[in-house]
Each structure stands twice: as structure tokens, then as C-alpha cells.
């Protein structure tokens, strides 16, 4: 199994890929909406035309909000120092517990390194909030389950 520092680097890299993929999807959607708006302009006038344009404008606003959110997430990720280790759990910590393993960074779901699962979570999630500030040996109760922090990196 890879060293913990390499696991952290790999999880961080997978987070970056996760964000890049989301960003590409959002940019593609924005481009498609822009093309649809352009072709709507060239099509016939009337109520149907206005409704179509309004729907596309709403969709563009929604995607714009998604773009802003993913850019904010990317900024948060860029501030994480993966080389930093601490006894006290914080953003960028790799945590092993008796129930699951966590990496506090962004909400990216379950990622695997060397067939070991890690839940990549944001510090704002309920479990993230419970883990922040804890140290090795601390007990946590989450969703009627008790677990213990075994190791932090």
C-alpha cells in the first residue's frame, strides 16, 4: 500500500480531476445554451419564441450559478496544503476511523486509492463538522453509529 502522504496526493489529484470534469461539463452546457439562444433568435417570432428564449435564459442563469459554485470549490481546493500534517483534524486531513476513512477537502464522494475507499468530504458536511478539531482516540457518534479515530495525517 502507498505511503499516507502519497495517498493524500492521489486523493488531492482525484479531487482536481473531479473539479476539472465538472467545469468542462458546465462550460459545454453554457456553450450549448448560447448556441440555442443564437438559433432561437433566427427562428420565428411569437409567443412560442419568447417562451423558448425565457427558458434558455433561466437555464443559463442556473448554469452560471453552478459555474460560480465550482469555481469557489476550486479555490478552496487550491488552498489545501497536502504536505501539512497535524494531530488535530482540519481541512486537508486524512482520517482513518473504525468505520470509514475520510479526506477533508471538497465534497467529491467516495474515491479509491490502492483499492482502499476514502470519503472525500467538505468541512461543511455534517460528518466533516463532527471530525474537525478532533484527534486520534476521540469517539464520534454519527447517524446512530459510534466510531473511533484511529489515525490522522
N, C-alpha and C. Protein backbone atom coordinates (compact mmCIF):
# COMPACT_ATOMS: atom_id res chain seq x y z
N UNK A 1 0.85 -1.20 0.00
CA UNK A 1 0.00 0.00 0.00
C UNK A 1 0.88 1.24 0.00
N UNK A 2 0.42 2.26 -0.66
CA UNK A 2 1.19 3.50 -0.77
C UNK A 2 1.31 4.19 0.58
N UNK A 3 2.36 4.98 0.72
CA UNK A 3 2.52 5.78 1.94
C UNK A 3 1.36 6.76 2.05
N UNK A 4 1.06 7.13 3.30
CA UNK A 4 -0.07 8.03 3.53
C UNK A 4 0.07 9.36 2.79
N UNK A 5 1.30 9.89 2.72
CA UNK A 5 1.48 11.16 2.02
C UNK A 5 1.17 11.01 0.53
N UNK A 6 1.49 9.83 -0.03
CA UNK A 6 1.15 9.57 -1.42
C UNK A 6 -0.36 9.39 -1.61
N UNK A 7 -1.01 8.79 -0.61
CA UNK A 7 -2.46 8.63 -0.66
C UNK A 7 -3.11 10.01 -0.67
N UNK A 8 -2.61 10.90 0.18
CA UNK A 8 -3.13 12.27 0.23
C UNK A 8 -2.96 12.97 -1.12
N UNK A 9 -1.77 12.81 -1.72
CA UNK A 9 -1.50 13.43 -3.03
C UNK A 9 -2.44 12.87 -4.09
N UNK A 10 -2.64 11.56 -4.06
CA UNK A 10 -3.52 10.91 -5.04
C UNK A 10 -4.97 11.37 -4.87
N UNK A 11 -5.45 11.45 -3.63
CA UNK A 11 -6.81 11.92 -3.38
C UNK A 11 -6.97 13.38 -3.82
N UNK A 12 -5.95 14.18 -3.54
CA UNK A 12 -5.98 15.59 -3.96
C UNK A 12 -6.05 15.67 -5.48
N UNK A 13 -5.25 14.86 -6.15
CA UNK A 13 -5.24 14.82 -7.61
C UNK A 13 -6.61 14.40 -8.16
N UNK A 14 -7.21 13.39 -7.53
CA UNK A 14 -8.54 12.95 -7.96
C UNK A 14 -9.59 14.04 -7.74
N UNK A 15 -9.43 14.82 -6.68
CA UNK A 15 -10.34 15.96 -6.43
C UNK A 15 -10.21 16.99 -7.55
N UNK A 16 -8.97 17.25 -7.96
CA UNK A 16 -8.73 18.22 -9.02
C UNK A 16 -9.36 17.73 -10.34
N UNK A 17 -9.22 16.45 -10.63
CA UNK A 17 -9.84 15.87 -11.83
C UNK A 17 -11.36 15.97 -11.75
N UNK A 18 -11.91 15.70 -10.56
CA UNK A 18 -13.35 15.81 -10.33
C UNK A 18 -13.84 17.22 -10.66
N UNK A 19 -13.13 18.22 -10.16
CA UNK A 19 -13.49 19.62 -10.42
C UNK A 19 -13.32 19.96 -11.90
N UNK A 20 -12.21 19.55 -12.49
CA UNK A 20 -11.97 19.83 -13.91
C UNK A 20 -13.08 19.24 -14.79
N UNK A 21 -13.50 18.01 -14.48
CA UNK A 21 -14.58 17.38 -15.24
C UNK A 21 -15.89 18.14 -15.10
N UNK A 22 -16.22 18.54 -13.88
CA UNK A 22 -17.45 19.32 -13.65
C UNK A 22 -17.38 20.65 -14.41
N UNK A 23 -16.21 21.28 -14.36
CA UNK A 23 -16.02 22.56 -15.04
C UNK A 23 -16.21 22.41 -16.55
N UNK A 24 -15.64 21.37 -17.13
CA UNK A 24 -15.79 21.12 -18.56
C UNK A 24 -17.25 20.88 -18.93
N UNK A 25 -17.97 20.12 -18.11
CA UNK A 25 -19.38 19.85 -18.36
C UNK A 25 -20.19 21.15 -18.32
N UNK A 26 -19.92 21.98 -17.34
CA UNK A 26 -20.64 23.26 -17.21
C UNK A 26 -20.33 24.17 -18.39
N UNK A 27 -19.06 24.26 -18.78
CA UNK A 27 -18.69 25.11 -19.92
C UNK A 27 -19.35 24.62 -21.21
N UNK A 28 -19.43 23.31 -21.37
CA UNK A 28 -20.08 22.73 -22.56
C UNK A 28 -21.56 23.10 -22.56
N UNK A 29 -22.20 23.00 -21.40
CA UNK A 29 -23.62 23.34 -21.28
C UNK A 29 -23.84 24.82 -21.59
N UNK A 30 -22.98 25.68 -21.08
CA UNK A 30 -23.09 27.12 -21.37
C UNK A 30 -22.98 27.36 -22.87
N UNK A 31 -22.04 26.70 -23.51
CA UNK A 31 -21.84 26.84 -24.95
C UNK A 31 -23.10 26.38 -25.71
N UNK A 32 -23.67 25.25 -25.30
CA UNK A 32 -24.88 24.73 -25.97
C UNK A 32 -26.06 25.69 -25.79
N UNK A 33 -26.20 26.26 -24.59
CA UNK A 33 -27.29 27.22 -24.35
C UNK A 33 -27.09 28.46 -25.22
N UNK A 34 -25.84 28.92 -25.30
CA UNK A 34 -25.53 30.10 -26.12
C UNK A 34 -25.88 29.84 -27.59
N UNK A 35 -25.54 28.65 -28.07
CA UNK A 35 -25.88 28.29 -29.45
C UNK A 35 -27.39 28.23 -29.65
N UNK A 36 -28.10 27.67 -28.67
CA UNK A 36 -29.56 27.59 -28.75
C UNK A 36 -30.18 28.98 -28.76
N UNK A 37 -29.64 29.88 -27.94
CA UNK A 37 -30.15 31.26 -27.91
C UNK A 37 -29.94 31.93 -29.26
N UNK A 38 -28.79 31.69 -29.86
CA UNK A 38 -28.48 32.28 -31.17
C UNK A 38 -29.43 31.74 -32.22
N UNK A 39 -29.69 30.43 -32.21
CA UNK A 39 -30.59 29.86 -33.21
C UNK A 39 -32.04 30.26 -32.93
N UNK A 40 -32.41 30.45 -31.67
CA UNK A 40 -33.76 30.92 -31.31
C UNK A 40 -34.01 32.30 -31.89
N UNK A 41 -32.99 33.13 -31.88
CA UNK A 41 -33.10 34.48 -32.40
C UNK A 41 -33.43 34.46 -33.88
N UNK A 42 -32.86 33.47 -34.58
CA UNK A 42 -33.06 33.37 -36.03
C UNK A 42 -34.40 32.72 -36.39
N UNK A 43 -35.03 32.04 -35.44
CA UNK A 43 -36.28 31.34 -35.75
C UNK A 43 -37.46 32.30 -35.71
N UNK A 44 -38.64 31.75 -35.88
CA UNK A 44 -39.84 32.58 -35.98
C UNK A 44 -40.13 33.34 -34.69
N UNK A 45 -40.87 34.43 -34.86
CA UNK A 45 -41.25 35.25 -33.71
C UNK A 45 -42.56 34.73 -33.12
N UNK A 46 -43.02 35.36 -32.05
CA UNK A 46 -44.29 34.98 -31.44
C UNK A 46 -44.11 34.50 -30.02
N UNK A 47 -45.22 34.09 -29.42
CA UNK A 47 -45.21 33.65 -28.02
C UNK A 47 -44.31 32.45 -27.79
N UNK A 48 -44.37 31.48 -28.71
CA UNK A 48 -43.56 30.28 -28.56
C UNK A 48 -42.08 30.65 -28.55
N UNK A 49 -41.71 31.57 -29.41
CA UNK A 49 -40.32 32.03 -29.49
C UNK A 49 -39.90 32.69 -28.17
N UNK A 50 -40.75 33.56 -27.63
CA UNK A 50 -40.44 34.26 -26.38
C UNK A 50 -40.32 33.29 -25.21
N UNK A 51 -41.20 32.30 -25.16
CA UNK A 51 -41.15 31.29 -24.10
C UNK A 51 -39.86 30.49 -24.18
N UNK A 52 -39.48 30.11 -25.39
CA UNK A 52 -38.24 29.37 -25.60
C UNK A 52 -37.03 30.16 -25.13
N UNK A 53 -36.99 31.43 -25.48
CA UNK A 53 -35.87 32.30 -25.07
C UNK A 53 -35.83 32.45 -23.55
N UNK A 54 -37.00 32.63 -22.95
CA UNK A 54 -37.07 32.80 -21.49
C UNK A 54 -36.56 31.53 -20.78
N UNK A 55 -36.94 30.38 -21.30
CA UNK A 55 -36.50 29.11 -20.71
C UNK A 55 -34.97 28.99 -20.83
N UNK A 56 -34.43 29.35 -21.97
CA UNK A 56 -32.99 29.29 -22.18
C UNK A 56 -32.25 30.28 -21.26
N UNK A 57 -32.83 31.45 -21.07
CA UNK A 57 -32.22 32.45 -20.18
C UNK A 57 -32.19 31.92 -18.74
N UNK A 58 -33.28 31.29 -18.30
CA UNK A 58 -33.32 30.71 -16.95
C UNK A 58 -32.28 29.60 -16.81
N UNK A 59 -32.17 28.78 -17.84
CA UNK A 59 -31.19 27.70 -17.82
C UNK A 59 -29.77 28.27 -17.75
N UNK A 60 -29.54 29.35 -18.50
CA UNK A 60 -28.21 29.98 -18.49
C UNK A 60 -27.88 30.53 -17.11
N UNK A 61 -28.86 31.12 -16.43
CA UNK A 61 -28.64 31.63 -15.07
C UNK A 61 -28.30 30.49 -14.11
N UNK A 62 -29.03 29.38 -14.23
CA UNK A 62 -28.81 28.23 -13.36
C UNK A 62 -27.39 27.67 -13.57
N UNK A 63 -26.99 27.56 -14.81
CA UNK A 63 -25.65 27.04 -15.12
C UNK A 63 -24.59 28.04 -14.67
N UNK A 64 -24.90 29.32 -14.76
CA UNK A 64 -23.97 30.35 -14.27
C UNK A 64 -23.73 30.21 -12.77
N UNK A 65 -24.78 29.88 -12.03
CA UNK A 65 -24.64 29.65 -10.59
C UNK A 65 -23.79 28.41 -10.32
N UNK A 66 -23.99 27.37 -11.12
CA UNK A 66 -23.18 26.15 -10.98
C UNK A 66 -21.71 26.46 -11.26
N UNK A 67 -21.47 27.29 -12.26
CA UNK A 67 -20.10 27.68 -12.60
C UNK A 67 -19.45 28.43 -11.44
N UNK A 68 -20.17 29.36 -10.85
CA UNK A 68 -19.65 30.12 -9.71
C UNK A 68 -19.34 29.19 -8.54
N UNK A 69 -20.21 28.22 -8.31
CA UNK A 69 -20.03 27.26 -7.21
C UNK A 69 -18.79 26.40 -7.43
N UNK A 70 -18.60 25.91 -8.65
CA UNK A 70 -17.45 25.05 -8.91
C UNK A 70 -16.15 25.86 -8.86
N UNK A 71 -16.21 27.12 -9.26
CA UNK A 71 -15.02 27.98 -9.15
C UNK A 71 -14.66 28.22 -7.69
N UNK A 72 -15.68 28.39 -6.84
CA UNK A 72 -15.46 28.56 -5.41
C UNK A 72 -14.85 27.28 -4.81
N UNK A 73 -15.36 26.14 -5.23
CA UNK A 73 -14.83 24.85 -4.77
C UNK A 73 -13.38 24.69 -5.19
N UNK A 74 -13.08 25.09 -6.42
CA UNK A 74 -11.71 25.01 -6.94
C UNK A 74 -10.77 25.90 -6.13
N UNK A 75 -11.24 27.08 -5.76
CA UNK A 75 -10.44 27.99 -4.92
C UNK A 75 -10.15 27.35 -3.56
N UNK A 76 -11.16 26.74 -2.98
CA UNK A 76 -10.99 26.06 -1.68
C UNK A 76 -9.96 24.95 -1.79
N UNK A 77 -10.05 24.16 -2.85
CA UNK A 77 -9.12 23.06 -3.05
C UNK A 77 -7.69 23.58 -3.20
N UNK A 78 -7.53 24.68 -3.91
CA UNK A 78 -6.18 25.22 -4.14
C UNK A 78 -5.52 25.71 -2.86
N UNK A 79 -6.31 25.98 -1.81
CA UNK A 79 -5.75 26.47 -0.54
C UNK A 79 -5.32 25.34 0.39
N UNK A 80 -5.64 24.10 0.03
CA UNK A 80 -5.31 22.96 0.88
C UNK A 80 -3.83 22.62 0.72
N UNK A 81 -3.14 22.54 1.85
CA UNK A 81 -1.73 22.15 1.85
C UNK A 81 -1.65 20.68 2.22
N UNK A 82 -1.48 19.83 1.20
CA UNK A 82 -1.50 18.39 1.47
C UNK A 82 -0.23 17.91 2.16
N UNK A 83 0.84 18.69 2.09
CA UNK A 83 2.09 18.28 2.76
C UNK A 83 2.02 18.51 4.27
N UNK A 84 1.08 19.35 4.69
CA UNK A 84 0.93 19.69 6.10
C UNK A 84 0.24 18.54 6.85
N UNK A 85 0.80 18.17 7.98
CA UNK A 85 0.16 17.15 8.82
C UNK A 85 -0.09 17.76 10.20
N UNK A 86 -1.11 17.26 10.85
CA UNK A 86 -1.46 17.80 12.16
C UNK A 86 -2.15 16.72 12.98
N UNK A 87 -1.93 16.76 14.27
CA UNK A 87 -2.63 15.85 15.18
C UNK A 87 -4.12 16.21 15.24
N UNK A 88 -4.40 17.50 15.09
CA UNK A 88 -5.78 17.98 15.15
C UNK A 88 -6.36 17.99 13.74
N UNK A 89 -7.53 17.41 13.58
CA UNK A 89 -8.16 17.29 12.26
C UNK A 89 -8.61 18.67 11.76
N UNK A 90 -8.26 18.93 10.51
CA UNK A 90 -8.65 20.17 9.84
C UNK A 90 -8.79 19.92 8.35
N UNK A 91 -8.95 21.00 7.59
CA UNK A 91 -9.05 20.86 6.14
C UNK A 91 -7.72 20.31 5.61
N UNK A 92 -7.82 19.27 4.78
CA UNK A 92 -6.63 18.62 4.25
C UNK A 92 -6.21 17.39 5.03
N UNK A 93 -6.92 17.09 6.11
CA UNK A 93 -6.58 15.91 6.93
C UNK A 93 -7.08 14.63 6.28
N UNK A 94 -6.27 13.60 6.43
CA UNK A 94 -6.62 12.24 6.03
C UNK A 94 -6.92 11.51 7.34
N UNK A 95 -8.11 10.94 7.46
CA UNK A 95 -8.55 10.36 8.73
C UNK A 95 -8.95 8.91 8.55
N UNK A 96 -8.40 8.07 9.43
CA UNK A 96 -8.79 6.66 9.46
C UNK A 96 -9.60 6.45 10.73
N UNK A 97 -10.78 5.84 10.58
CA UNK A 97 -11.62 5.54 11.74
C UNK A 97 -11.97 4.05 11.74
N UNK A 98 -12.64 3.63 12.79
CA UNK A 98 -13.05 2.23 12.88
C UNK A 98 -14.17 1.89 11.89
N UNK A 99 -14.83 2.89 11.30
CA UNK A 99 -15.92 2.66 10.35
C UNK A 99 -15.54 2.98 8.91
N UNK A 100 -14.85 4.10 8.68
CA UNK A 100 -14.54 4.53 7.32
C UNK A 100 -13.32 5.45 7.35
N UNK A 101 -12.83 5.77 6.15
CA UNK A 101 -11.70 6.69 6.01
C UNK A 101 -12.19 7.95 5.33
N UNK A 102 -11.63 9.08 5.75
CA UNK A 102 -12.08 10.37 5.22
C UNK A 102 -10.90 11.24 4.81
N UNK A 103 -11.17 12.09 3.82
CA UNK A 103 -10.23 13.13 3.43
C UNK A 103 -11.04 14.41 3.40
N UNK A 104 -10.68 15.35 4.26
CA UNK A 104 -11.46 16.60 4.33
C UNK A 104 -10.90 17.59 3.32
N UNK A 105 -11.69 17.83 2.27
CA UNK A 105 -11.28 18.74 1.20
C UNK A 105 -12.53 19.36 0.57
N UNK A 106 -13.08 18.66 -0.42
CA UNK A 106 -14.31 19.10 -1.10
C UNK A 106 -15.27 17.92 -1.10
N UNK A 107 -16.51 18.17 -1.40
CA UNK A 107 -17.48 17.07 -1.49
C UNK A 107 -17.33 16.40 -2.86
N UNK A 108 -16.62 15.27 -2.87
CA UNK A 108 -16.39 14.56 -4.12
C UNK A 108 -16.85 13.11 -4.03
N UNK A 109 -17.43 12.72 -2.92
CA UNK A 109 -17.93 11.36 -2.78
C UNK A 109 -16.84 10.37 -2.43
N UNK A 110 -17.08 9.13 -2.78
CA UNK A 110 -16.14 8.06 -2.46
C UNK A 110 -15.10 7.92 -3.56
N UNK A 111 -13.83 7.98 -3.17
CA UNK A 111 -12.73 7.79 -4.10
C UNK A 111 -11.86 6.66 -3.56
N UNK A 112 -11.15 5.98 -4.47
CA UNK A 112 -10.31 4.85 -4.05
C UNK A 112 -8.85 5.10 -4.41
N UNK A 113 -7.99 4.67 -3.50
CA UNK A 113 -6.55 4.66 -3.73
C UNK A 113 -6.08 3.28 -3.32
N UNK A 114 -5.45 2.56 -4.24
CA UNK A 114 -4.99 1.18 -3.98
C UNK A 114 -6.11 0.31 -3.39
N UNK A 115 -7.29 0.40 -3.97
CA UNK A 115 -8.46 -0.38 -3.54
C UNK A 115 -8.93 -0.07 -2.12
N UNK A 116 -8.48 1.01 -1.55
CA UNK A 116 -8.95 1.45 -0.23
C UNK A 116 -9.89 2.64 -0.46
N UNK A 117 -11.08 2.58 0.12
CA UNK A 117 -12.07 3.64 -0.05
C UNK A 117 -11.84 4.79 0.92
N UNK A 118 -12.02 5.99 0.40
CA UNK A 118 -11.96 7.22 1.20
C UNK A 118 -13.17 8.06 0.82
N UNK A 119 -13.82 8.59 1.84
CA UNK A 119 -14.91 9.52 1.57
C UNK A 119 -14.30 10.92 1.57
N UNK A 120 -14.35 11.54 0.41
CA UNK A 120 -13.80 12.89 0.27
C UNK A 120 -14.95 13.85 0.55
N UNK A 121 -14.82 14.55 1.68
CA UNK A 121 -15.92 15.37 2.19
C UNK A 121 -15.48 16.82 2.41
N UNK A 122 -16.44 17.68 2.39
CA UNK A 122 -16.21 19.08 2.71
C UNK A 122 -16.27 19.26 4.23
N UNK A 123 -15.60 20.26 4.71
CA UNK A 123 -15.65 20.57 6.15
C UNK A 123 -17.05 21.01 6.56
N UNK A 124 -17.88 21.42 5.60
CA UNK A 124 -19.24 21.89 5.89
C UNK A 124 -20.26 20.76 6.03
N UNK A 125 -19.89 19.53 5.68
CA UNK A 125 -20.83 18.42 5.79
C UNK A 125 -21.02 18.06 7.26
N UNK A 126 -22.14 17.40 7.59
CA UNK A 126 -22.36 17.03 8.99
C UNK A 126 -21.20 16.20 9.58
N UNK A 127 -20.71 15.22 8.84
CA UNK A 127 -19.61 14.40 9.35
C UNK A 127 -18.32 15.22 9.40
N UNK A 128 -18.13 16.10 8.44
CA UNK A 128 -16.95 16.98 8.44
C UNK A 128 -16.92 17.87 9.67
N UNK A 129 -18.07 18.43 10.01
CA UNK A 129 -18.16 19.29 11.20
C UNK A 129 -17.85 18.51 12.48
N UNK A 130 -18.30 17.25 12.52
CA UNK A 130 -18.03 16.41 13.69
C UNK A 130 -16.54 16.09 13.83
N UNK A 131 -15.87 15.88 12.69
CA UNK A 131 -14.47 15.48 12.71
C UNK A 131 -13.51 16.64 13.00
N UNK A 132 -13.86 17.84 12.53
CA UNK A 132 -12.96 19.00 12.71
C UNK A 132 -12.61 19.21 14.17
N UNK A 133 -11.33 19.39 14.42
CA UNK A 133 -10.86 19.67 15.78
C UNK A 133 -10.62 18.43 16.63
N UNK A 134 -11.00 17.26 16.13
CA UNK A 134 -10.81 16.03 16.88
C UNK A 134 -9.38 15.51 16.68
N UNK A 135 -8.98 14.56 17.53
CA UNK A 135 -7.65 13.96 17.46
C UNK A 135 -7.76 12.44 17.57
N UNK A 136 -6.64 11.77 17.40
CA UNK A 136 -6.59 10.31 17.50
C UNK A 136 -7.14 9.86 18.85
N UNK A 137 -7.99 8.83 18.81
CA UNK A 137 -8.57 8.29 20.04
C UNK A 137 -9.94 8.86 20.35
N UNK A 138 -10.30 10.00 19.76
CA UNK A 138 -11.62 10.58 20.01
C UNK A 138 -12.72 9.68 19.45
N UNK A 139 -13.84 9.66 20.17
CA UNK A 139 -15.02 8.91 19.74
C UNK A 139 -15.99 9.86 19.05
N UNK A 140 -16.62 9.40 17.99
CA UNK A 140 -17.60 10.20 17.26
C UNK A 140 -18.89 9.39 17.15
N UNK A 141 -20.02 10.07 17.27
CA UNK A 141 -21.29 9.42 17.01
C UNK A 141 -21.94 10.12 15.83
N UNK A 142 -22.27 9.33 14.81
CA UNK A 142 -22.87 9.88 13.61
C UNK A 142 -23.90 8.89 13.09
N UNK A 143 -25.12 9.35 12.90
CA UNK A 143 -26.22 8.51 12.41
C UNK A 143 -26.34 7.21 13.22
N UNK A 144 -26.42 7.36 14.50
CA UNK A 144 -26.57 6.23 15.44
C UNK A 144 -25.44 5.21 15.37
N UNK A 145 -24.30 5.62 14.87
CA UNK A 145 -23.13 4.75 14.86
C UNK A 145 -22.00 5.43 15.61
N UNK A 146 -21.32 4.65 16.44
CA UNK A 146 -20.16 5.16 17.15
C UNK A 146 -18.91 4.67 16.45
N UNK A 147 -17.94 5.55 16.31
CA UNK A 147 -16.67 5.12 15.77
C UNK A 147 -15.55 5.93 16.39
N UNK A 148 -14.35 5.40 16.26
CA UNK A 148 -13.18 5.98 16.90
C UNK A 148 -12.16 6.39 15.84
N UNK A 149 -11.51 7.50 16.08
CA UNK A 149 -10.46 7.97 15.18
C UNK A 149 -9.19 7.19 15.51
N UNK A 150 -8.68 6.47 14.50
CA UNK A 150 -7.51 5.62 14.69
C UNK A 150 -6.22 6.36 14.33
N UNK A 151 -6.26 7.10 13.20
CA UNK A 151 -5.06 7.76 12.71
C UNK A 151 -5.43 8.99 11.89
N UNK A 152 -4.63 10.04 12.00
CA UNK A 152 -4.82 11.22 11.17
C UNK A 152 -3.47 11.58 10.52
N UNK A 153 -3.57 12.08 9.31
CA UNK A 153 -2.36 12.51 8.59
C UNK A 153 -2.62 13.87 7.98
